[in-house]
Amino acid sequence: MAKRILVVEDEPAIAETITYALSTEGFEPVWKATGREGLAALAAGGADLVILDVMLPDLGGFEVCREIRRSSSVPVIFLTARGAEVDRVVGLELGADDYVPKPFSPRELTARVKAVLRRSEEASPPKTKSVRKAARSAPFEVDAERCAIAYLGRTLALSRYEFKILRVLVERPGWVYSREKLMDMVWSDPGASMERTVDAHIKSIRAKLRAVRAEPDPIVTHRGLGYSLREDWG
């Protein structure tokens, strides 16, 4: 079955180029011109990946991504004329999987789509009927089958990279992981990411943990070294 790609782009000429390129590669593109239409299409029919323009006429792309991440971990690729590093970091903090600045090559965009989908499939752990509970990390419960982590009994809405980072930390409380080590363990192509990407995802994870309980922060920052999960829950 063809992968369904939701394209949220307000410029018809660009949208036509994207949908044509996706179709020729065997994908099933669905085009929506506004953020609200995109959210409605995702809620109604789902998608295997979302290509999301940052500059939309109603809701901004970042706001649309925030809404998506409240309930879904579908891969998101931002498409924008803005290419500053700060925009890339903001997008990554929101849980985006890639960031393609305009102007772009349709062939490059479809290659990025394939790469993100491949990484998404590789990130999925083997199916299991058991629920894994990480040792010595009482507030957390890892459900490998659903790619979900519960904190104090509440399931967190995590992107795939947030899930993988937190899972690494939960499985070894107190173990300090450098940014480079986390990139090697979490990203299938760590060379394509920046160390600041890890910081952005940690910031997002912390915000979701604080929404459950403000204090204490379960993640410890070791300056110049990396991150660990705290051990003193007693």
Protein backbone atom coordinates (compact mmCIF):
# COMPACT_ATOMS: atom_id res chain seq x y z
CA MET A 1 0.00 0.00 0.00
CA ALA A 2 1.29 3.45 -0.96
CA LYS A 3 2.45 5.69 1.86
CA ARG A 4 0.07 8.61 2.42
CA ILE A 5 1.91 11.95 2.51
CA LEU A 6 0.02 15.01 3.75
CA VAL A 7 1.34 18.20 2.11
CA VAL A 8 0.34 21.44 3.87
CA GLU A 9 1.46 24.26 1.55
CA ASP A 10 -0.40 27.43 0.60
CA GLU A 11 1.34 28.11 -2.73
CA PRO A 12 -0.39 26.05 -5.45
CA ALA A 13 2.62 25.96 -7.80
CA ILE A 14 4.91 24.59 -5.07
CA ALA A 15 2.25 22.16 -3.87
CA GLU A 16 1.76 20.87 -7.42
CA THR A 17 5.49 20.31 -7.81
CA ILE A 18 5.66 18.42 -4.51
CA THR A 19 2.61 16.25 -5.14
CA TYR A 20 3.79 15.38 -8.67
CA ALA A 21 7.25 14.41 -7.39
CA LEU A 22 5.72 12.28 -4.63
CA SER A 23 3.32 10.59 -7.04
CA THR A 24 6.10 9.62 -9.44
CA GLU A 25 7.90 7.95 -6.50
CA GLY A 26 4.85 5.83 -5.65
CA PHE A 27 3.51 7.87 -2.73
CA GLU A 28 -0.11 8.97 -2.21
CA PRO A 29 0.05 12.77 -1.71
CA VAL A 30 -2.82 14.72 -0.16
CA TRP A 31 -2.62 18.51 -0.50
CA LYS A 32 -4.14 21.04 1.88
CA ALA A 33 -3.59 24.79 1.62
CA THR A 34 -4.08 25.86 5.25
CA GLY A 35 -3.02 24.67 8.66
CA ARG A 36 -6.57 24.02 9.82
CA GLU A 37 -7.35 22.01 6.68
CA GLY A 38 -4.17 20.01 7.24
CA LEU A 39 -5.08 19.22 10.85
CA ALA A 40 -8.58 18.19 9.80
CA ALA A 41 -7.21 15.92 7.06
CA LEU A 42 -4.78 14.32 9.50
CA ALA A 43 -7.52 13.70 12.05
CA ALA A 44 -9.87 12.28 9.42
CA GLY A 45 -7.58 10.10 7.33
CA GLY A 46 -4.20 9.99 9.04
CA ALA A 47 -0.87 10.12 7.23
CA ASP A 48 2.46 8.32 7.16
CA LEU A 49 4.34 11.64 6.97
CA VAL A 50 3.53 15.36 6.91
CA ILE A 51 5.32 17.97 4.78
CA LEU A 52 4.52 21.24 6.52
CA ASP A 53 5.19 24.77 5.31
CA VAL A 54 6.16 27.16 8.11
CA MET A 55 4.46 30.22 6.56
CA LEU A 56 0.74 29.45 6.24
CA PRO A 57 -2.15 31.92 5.84
CA ASP A 58 -4.00 30.91 9.01
CA LEU A 59 -2.04 28.91 11.59
CA GLY A 60 1.75 29.05 11.39
CA GLY A 61 3.54 25.80 10.66
CA PHE A 62 5.09 25.74 14.14
CA GLU A 63 1.64 26.05 15.71
CA VAL A 64 0.31 23.28 13.47
CA CYS A 65 3.22 21.06 14.52
CA ARG A 66 2.44 21.73 18.20
CA GLU A 67 -1.13 20.60 17.61
CA ILE A 68 0.03 17.47 15.79
CA ARG A 69 2.41 16.54 18.60
CA ARG A 70 -0.36 16.71 21.19
CA SER A 71 -1.73 13.43 19.87
CA SER A 72 0.52 12.02 17.14
CA SER A 73 4.15 11.07 16.50
CA VAL A 74 3.72 11.09 12.70
CA PRO A 75 6.99 12.20 11.03
CA VAL A 76 7.04 15.91 10.10
CA ILE A 77 9.29 17.64 7.56
CA PHE A 78 9.24 21.44 7.70
CA LEU A 79 9.35 23.27 4.38
CA THR A 80 10.21 26.97 4.57
CA ALA A 81 11.95 29.90 2.94
CA ARG A 82 13.59 30.65 6.27
CA GLY A 83 16.85 28.81 6.78
CA ALA A 84 18.32 30.33 9.92
CA GLU A 85 19.68 27.89 12.50
CA VAL A 86 17.33 29.32 15.15
CA ASP A 87 14.34 28.29 13.02
CA ARG A 88 15.78 24.81 12.60
CA VAL A 89 16.24 24.48 16.35
CA VAL A 90 12.68 25.69 17.03
CA GLY A 91 11.35 23.16 14.56
CA LEU A 92 13.36 20.35 16.13
CA GLU A 93 12.23 21.37 19.62
CA LEU A 94 8.65 20.95 18.42
CA GLY A 95 9.39 17.41 17.30
CA ALA A 96 10.08 17.84 13.58
CA ASP A 97 12.08 15.08 11.89
CA ASP A 98 13.70 17.17 9.16
CA TYR A 99 13.90 20.71 7.80
CA VAL A 100 14.10 21.60 4.08
CA PRO A 101 14.66 25.27 3.12
CA LYS A 102 13.26 26.77 -0.09
CA PRO A 103 14.21 26.75 -2.90
CA PHE A 104 14.57 22.99 -3.00
CA SER A 105 14.93 20.21 -5.52
CA PRO A 106 11.86 17.94 -5.75
CA ARG A 107 14.25 14.99 -6.01
CA GLU A 108 15.99 16.08 -2.78
CA LEU A 109 12.65 16.46 -0.99
CA THR A 110 11.45 12.99 -2.01
CA ALA A 111 14.82 11.58 -0.93
CA ARG A 112 14.34 13.24 2.48
CA VAL A 113 10.84 11.78 2.71
CA LYS A 114 12.19 8.28 2.01
CA ALA A 115 15.00 8.73 4.54
CA VAL A 116 12.66 9.94 7.31
CA LEU A 117 10.21 7.11 6.66
CA ARG A 118 13.05 4.59 6.69
CA ARG A 119 14.41 5.95 9.98
CA SER A 120 10.90 5.91 11.42
CA GLU A 121 10.48 2.23 10.56
CA GLU A 122 13.94 1.35 11.85
CA ALA A 123 13.20 3.16 15.12
CA SER A 124 10.21 0.93 15.85
CA PRO A 125 11.23 -1.80 18.33
CA PRO A 126 10.28 -5.46 17.78
CA LYS A 127 6.73 -6.39 18.67
CA THR A 128 6.30 -7.79 22.15
CA LYS A 129 3.35 -8.67 24.32
CA SER A 130 5.07 -7.66 27.53
CA VAL A 131 5.30 -4.22 29.08
CA ARG A 132 8.85 -3.34 29.99
CA LYS A 133 9.49 -1.57 33.28
CA ALA A 134 12.90 0.01 33.53
CA ALA A 135 14.85 -1.09 36.60
CA ARG A 136 15.47 1.48 39.34
CA SER A 137 13.34 4.16 37.68
CA ALA A 138 10.09 3.88 39.61
CA PRO A 139 8.20 6.85 38.09
CA PHE A 140 8.63 5.53 34.53
CA GLU A 141 7.08 2.64 32.63
CA VAL A 142 8.19 1.78 29.09
CA ASP A 143 5.77 0.08 26.71
CA ALA A 144 8.01 -1.09 23.86
CA GLU A 145 5.14 -2.38 21.75
CA ARG A 146 3.37 0.97 21.68
CA CYS A 147 6.59 3.03 21.67
CA ALA A 148 5.19 4.81 24.73
CA ILE A 149 6.53 5.91 28.09
CA ALA A 150 4.37 6.67 31.10
CA TYR A 151 5.54 9.04 33.83
CA LEU A 152 3.80 8.77 37.20
CA GLY A 153 1.05 6.81 35.47
CA ARG A 154 0.48 9.32 32.65
CA THR A 155 1.50 8.44 29.09
CA LEU A 156 3.69 11.13 27.52
CA ALA A 157 3.04 12.42 24.00
CA LEU A 158 6.56 11.87 22.66
CA SER A 159 8.00 12.11 19.17
CA ARG A 160 9.99 9.04 18.06
CA TYR A 161 13.33 10.68 18.89
CA GLU A 162 12.06 11.90 22.25
CA PHE A 163 10.89 8.36 23.00
CA LYS A 164 14.24 6.85 22.06
CA ILE A 165 16.26 9.42 24.06
CA LEU A 166 14.12 9.04 27.18
CA ARG A 167 14.13 5.27 26.86
CA VAL A 168 17.94 5.25 26.80
CA LEU A 169 18.05 7.38 29.96
CA VAL A 170 15.33 5.39 31.74
CA GLU A 171 17.04 2.06 31.13
CA ARG A 172 20.17 3.19 33.00
CA PRO A 173 19.40 5.74 35.73
CA GLY A 174 22.50 7.64 36.82
CA TRP A 175 24.42 6.71 33.67
CA VAL A 176 25.77 9.87 32.01
CA TYR A 177 25.36 9.98 28.23
CA SER A 178 27.20 12.56 26.17
CA ARG A 179 25.36 14.33 23.33
CA GLU A 180 27.53 12.46 20.85
CA LYS A 181 26.67 9.11 22.46
CA LEU A 182 22.96 9.87 22.40
CA MET A 183 23.20 10.84 18.73
CA ASP A 184 24.94 7.55 17.96
CA MET A 185 22.33 5.53 19.86
CA VAL A 186 19.19 7.36 18.72
CA TRP A 187 19.75 8.60 15.17
CA SER A 188 20.37 6.11 12.38
CA ASP A 189 22.45 8.80 10.63
CA PRO A 190 24.01 10.81 13.49
CA GLY A 191 26.22 12.72 11.06
CA ALA A 192 23.10 14.39 9.62
CA SER A 193 22.18 15.90 13.00
CA MET A 194 23.65 18.60 15.21
CA GLU A 195 24.55 18.28 18.88
CA ARG A 196 22.08 21.11 19.54
CA THR A 197 19.41 18.77 18.22
CA VAL A 198 19.89 16.61 21.32
CA ASP A 199 19.55 19.70 23.54
CA ALA A 200 16.35 20.67 21.72
CA HIS A 201 14.81 17.24 22.26
CA ILE A 202 15.86 17.15 25.93
CA LYS A 203 14.22 20.57 26.41
CA SER A 204 11.01 19.27 24.85
CA ILE A 205 11.06 16.09 26.99
CA ARG A 206 11.56 18.16 30.14
CA ALA A 207 8.59 20.35 29.27
CA LYS A 208 6.37 17.28 28.91
CA LEU A 209 7.62 15.86 32.22
CA ARG A 210 6.97 19.19 33.97
CA ALA A 211 3.39 19.13 32.65
CA VAL A 212 2.91 15.96 34.73
CA ARG A 213 4.85 17.11 37.81
CA ALA A 214 6.79 20.35 38.09
CA GLU A 215 9.48 19.13 40.50
CA PRO A 216 11.87 17.45 40.68
CA ASP A 217 13.36 17.40 37.17
CA PRO A 218 14.02 13.71 36.37
CA ILE A 219 16.76 14.59 33.86
CA VAL A 220 20.09 15.81 35.21
CA THR A 221 22.39 18.01 33.12
CA HIS A 222 26.10 17.35 33.61
CA ARG A 223 27.84 20.42 32.25
CA GLY A 224 30.42 19.55 29.66
CA LEU A 225 29.51 15.87 29.90
CA GLY A 226 25.90 15.19 28.96
CA TYR A 227 22.66 13.99 30.53
CA SER A 228 21.44 11.30 32.91
CA LEU A 229 18.27 10.21 34.67
CA ARG A 230 18.27 10.93 38.39
CA GLU A 231 18.46 8.01 40.77
CA ASP A 232 17.30 9.54 44.07
CA TRP A 233 13.59 8.86 43.91
CA GLY A 234 13.42 7.37 47.39
